[in-house]
Amino acid sequence: MMLSVGKIFWLIIILIAVWYLFKIIEKRKLNIVKNNQKKENEDINKKGIDAFKCDVCGLWSTGKKCNNKECTNS
């Protein structure tokens, strides 16, 4: 079986097409993973934390009392 210029040309075209097909599939997989991570991060950000703003110093603190050492409300 002899390889002619035409057969080599078509072989190269088919290989390039398969290469780009796999690149497109890989990009779609990465986009799906990124979208899933983005949704998870948005869900985490929506949960928030329990905090309150001190009436005296204005510092946001967690817990039941102000965490500012200089505040008179702590």
N, C-alpha and C. Protein backbone atom coordinates (compact mmCIF):
# COMPACT_ATOMS: atom_id res chain seq x y z
N MET A 1 0.84 -1.17 0.00
CA MET A 1 0.00 0.00 0.00
C MET A 1 0.89 1.24 0.00
N MET A 2 0.69 2.06 -0.96
CA MET A 2 1.50 3.27 -1.11
C MET A 2 0.74 4.46 -0.50
N LEU A 3 1.49 5.31 0.16
CA LEU A 3 0.90 6.53 0.68
C LEU A 3 1.11 7.64 -0.32
N SER A 4 0.04 8.16 -0.81
CA SER A 4 0.13 9.26 -1.76
C SER A 4 0.00 10.58 -1.02
N VAL A 5 0.25 11.65 -1.70
CA VAL A 5 0.15 12.99 -1.12
C VAL A 5 -1.28 13.26 -0.66
N GLY A 6 -2.24 12.81 -1.44
CA GLY A 6 -3.65 13.02 -1.08
C GLY A 6 -4.03 12.29 0.20
N LYS A 7 -3.57 11.05 0.36
CA LYS A 7 -3.88 10.29 1.57
C LYS A 7 -3.23 10.92 2.80
N ILE A 8 -1.99 11.37 2.65
CA ILE A 8 -1.30 12.03 3.77
C ILE A 8 -2.02 13.32 4.13
N PHE A 9 -2.44 14.08 3.14
CA PHE A 9 -3.17 15.33 3.39
C PHE A 9 -4.44 15.06 4.17
N TRP A 10 -5.24 14.09 3.75
CA TRP A 10 -6.49 13.79 4.43
C TRP A 10 -6.25 13.22 5.82
N LEU A 11 -5.18 12.46 5.99
CA LEU A 11 -4.84 11.94 7.31
C LEU A 11 -4.53 13.09 8.27
N ILE A 12 -3.78 14.07 7.79
CA ILE A 12 -3.44 15.24 8.62
C ILE A 12 -4.71 16.03 8.95
N ILE A 13 -5.60 16.21 7.99
CA ILE A 13 -6.86 16.94 8.22
C ILE A 13 -7.69 16.21 9.28
N ILE A 14 -7.79 14.88 9.19
CA ILE A 14 -8.56 14.11 10.17
C ILE A 14 -7.94 14.21 11.55
N LEU A 15 -6.61 14.13 11.64
CA LEU A 15 -5.94 14.25 12.94
C LEU A 15 -6.16 15.62 13.56
N ILE A 16 -6.10 16.67 12.75
CA ILE A 16 -6.34 18.03 13.27
C ILE A 16 -7.78 18.16 13.75
N ALA A 17 -8.72 17.60 13.01
CA ALA A 17 -10.13 17.68 13.40
C ALA A 17 -10.36 16.95 14.72
N VAL A 18 -9.78 15.78 14.89
CA VAL A 18 -9.92 15.03 16.14
C VAL A 18 -9.27 15.79 17.29
N TRP A 19 -8.09 16.38 17.03
CA TRP A 19 -7.38 17.16 18.06
C TRP A 19 -8.27 18.31 18.57
N TYR A 20 -8.85 19.07 17.64
CA TYR A 20 -9.70 20.19 18.04
C TYR A 20 -10.99 19.73 18.70
N LEU A 21 -11.52 18.59 18.29
CA LEU A 21 -12.70 18.04 18.93
C LEU A 21 -12.43 17.74 20.40
N PHE A 22 -11.29 17.13 20.68
CA PHE A 22 -10.93 16.85 22.07
C PHE A 22 -10.69 18.13 22.86
N LYS A 23 -10.11 19.15 22.24
CA LYS A 23 -9.91 20.42 22.93
C LYS A 23 -11.24 21.06 23.29
N ILE A 24 -12.21 21.00 22.40
CA ILE A 24 -13.55 21.57 22.66
C ILE A 24 -14.22 20.82 23.80
N ILE A 25 -14.13 19.50 23.78
CA ILE A 25 -14.73 18.70 24.85
C ILE A 25 -14.09 19.03 26.19
N GLU A 26 -12.76 19.17 26.22
CA GLU A 26 -12.06 19.48 27.46
C GLU A 26 -12.45 20.86 27.99
N LYS A 27 -12.62 21.85 27.09
CA LYS A 27 -13.04 23.19 27.52
C LYS A 27 -14.43 23.15 28.14
N ARG A 28 -15.32 22.37 27.55
CA ARG A 28 -16.68 22.26 28.10
C ARG A 28 -16.65 21.64 29.49
N LYS A 29 -15.82 20.62 29.67
CA LYS A 29 -15.71 19.99 30.99
C LYS A 29 -15.18 20.99 32.01
N LEU A 30 -14.17 21.78 31.64
CA LEU A 30 -13.63 22.77 32.55
C LEU A 30 -14.66 23.84 32.89
N ASN A 31 -15.45 24.26 31.92
CA ASN A 31 -16.49 25.26 32.18
C ASN A 31 -17.54 24.72 33.13
N ILE A 32 -17.90 23.45 32.97
CA ILE A 32 -18.88 22.84 33.87
C ILE A 32 -18.34 22.80 35.29
N VAL A 33 -17.07 22.42 35.44
CA VAL A 33 -16.45 22.36 36.77
C VAL A 33 -16.39 23.76 37.38
N LYS A 34 -15.99 24.77 36.58
CA LYS A 34 -15.92 26.14 37.10
C LYS A 34 -17.29 26.65 37.52
N ASN A 35 -18.32 26.35 36.74
CA ASN A 35 -19.67 26.78 37.09
C ASN A 35 -20.14 26.13 38.37
N ASN A 36 -19.82 24.84 38.56
CA ASN A 36 -20.20 24.15 39.79
C ASN A 36 -19.49 24.76 40.99
N GLN A 37 -18.20 25.08 40.83
CA GLN A 37 -17.45 25.69 41.93
C GLN A 37 -18.00 27.08 42.24
N LYS A 38 -18.36 27.82 41.20
CA LYS A 38 -18.90 29.17 41.40
C LYS A 38 -20.22 29.10 42.17
N LYS A 39 -21.08 28.13 41.82
CA LYS A 39 -22.35 27.97 42.52
C LYS A 39 -22.13 27.59 43.97
N GLU A 40 -21.14 26.70 44.23
CA GLU A 40 -20.84 26.32 45.61
C GLU A 40 -20.35 27.51 46.40
N ASN A 41 -19.49 28.34 45.79
CA ASN A 41 -18.98 29.53 46.48
C ASN A 41 -20.11 30.52 46.75
N GLU A 42 -21.03 30.66 45.82
CA GLU A 42 -22.16 31.57 46.04
C GLU A 42 -23.03 31.06 47.18
N ASP A 43 -23.23 29.75 47.25
CA ASP A 43 -24.01 29.18 48.35
C ASP A 43 -23.32 29.41 49.69
N ILE A 44 -22.00 29.28 49.71
CA ILE A 44 -21.26 29.52 50.95
C ILE A 44 -21.38 30.98 51.36
N ASN A 45 -21.27 31.89 50.38
CA ASN A 45 -21.35 33.32 50.68
C ASN A 45 -22.75 33.71 51.14
N LYS A 46 -23.77 33.03 50.70
CA LYS A 46 -25.14 33.36 51.10
C LYS A 46 -25.42 32.96 52.54
N LYS A 47 -24.71 31.95 53.04
CA LYS A 47 -24.95 31.49 54.40
C LYS A 47 -24.57 32.57 55.41
N GLY A 48 -23.45 33.23 55.21
CA GLY A 48 -23.04 34.32 56.07
C GLY A 48 -22.58 33.85 57.44
N ILE A 49 -22.36 34.81 58.34
CA ILE A 49 -21.95 34.51 59.70
C ILE A 49 -22.84 35.26 60.66
N ASP A 50 -22.87 34.80 61.89
CA ASP A 50 -23.62 35.50 62.92
C ASP A 50 -22.72 36.58 63.51
N ALA A 51 -23.07 37.83 63.31
CA ALA A 51 -22.27 38.94 63.81
C ALA A 51 -23.20 40.08 64.19
N PHE A 52 -22.68 40.98 65.00
CA PHE A 52 -23.45 42.15 65.38
C PHE A 52 -22.52 43.36 65.37
N LYS A 53 -23.12 44.53 65.22
CA LYS A 53 -22.36 45.77 65.22
C LYS A 53 -22.49 46.41 66.60
N CYS A 54 -21.34 46.70 67.20
CA CYS A 54 -21.31 47.31 68.53
C CYS A 54 -21.87 48.73 68.43
N ASP A 55 -22.78 49.06 69.33
CA ASP A 55 -23.38 50.38 69.35
C ASP A 55 -22.39 51.46 69.77
N VAL A 56 -21.37 51.09 70.54
CA VAL A 56 -20.43 52.08 71.07
C VAL A 56 -19.32 52.39 70.06
N CYS A 57 -18.60 51.34 69.61
CA CYS A 57 -17.43 51.58 68.74
C CYS A 57 -17.71 51.33 67.27
N GLY A 58 -18.76 50.62 66.92
CA GLY A 58 -19.10 50.36 65.53
C GLY A 58 -18.40 49.17 64.92
N LEU A 59 -17.63 48.41 65.72
CA LEU A 59 -16.92 47.24 65.22
C LEU A 59 -17.87 46.06 65.11
N TRP A 60 -17.76 45.33 64.01
CA TRP A 60 -18.56 44.11 63.84
C TRP A 60 -17.84 42.98 64.56
N SER A 61 -18.56 42.26 65.40
CA SER A 61 -17.97 41.18 66.19
C SER A 61 -18.88 39.96 66.16
N THR A 62 -18.26 38.81 66.39
CA THR A 62 -19.03 37.58 66.56
C THR A 62 -19.14 37.29 68.04
N GLY A 63 -20.08 36.50 68.40
CA GLY A 63 -20.26 36.18 69.82
C GLY A 63 -21.30 37.08 70.44
N LYS A 64 -21.21 37.20 71.78
CA LYS A 64 -22.22 37.98 72.50
C LYS A 64 -21.73 39.32 72.99
N LYS A 65 -20.40 39.56 72.93
CA LYS A 65 -19.89 40.85 73.37
C LYS A 65 -18.90 41.38 72.35
N CYS A 66 -18.59 42.66 72.43
CA CYS A 66 -17.69 43.33 71.50
C CYS A 66 -16.26 42.81 71.68
N ASN A 67 -15.57 42.54 70.58
CA ASN A 67 -14.20 42.02 70.64
C ASN A 67 -13.14 43.12 70.63
N ASN A 68 -13.55 44.37 70.54
CA ASN A 68 -12.62 45.49 70.53
C ASN A 68 -12.11 45.72 71.95
N LYS A 69 -10.79 45.64 72.14
CA LYS A 69 -10.20 45.80 73.48
C LYS A 69 -10.32 47.24 73.99
N GLU A 70 -10.42 48.19 73.08
CA GLU A 70 -10.49 49.59 73.47
C GLU A 70 -11.94 50.06 73.70
N CYS A 71 -12.91 49.21 73.39
CA CYS A 71 -14.30 49.57 73.51
C CYS A 71 -14.75 49.48 74.97
N THR A 72 -15.60 50.41 75.38
CA THR A 72 -16.11 50.41 76.77
C THR A 72 -17.25 49.41 76.92
N ASN A 73 -17.77 48.87 75.79
CA ASN A 73 -18.89 47.94 75.82
C ASN A 73 -18.42 46.49 75.96
N SER A 74 -17.10 46.24 75.93
CA SER A 74 -16.61 44.86 75.99
C SER A 74 -16.45 44.43 77.37
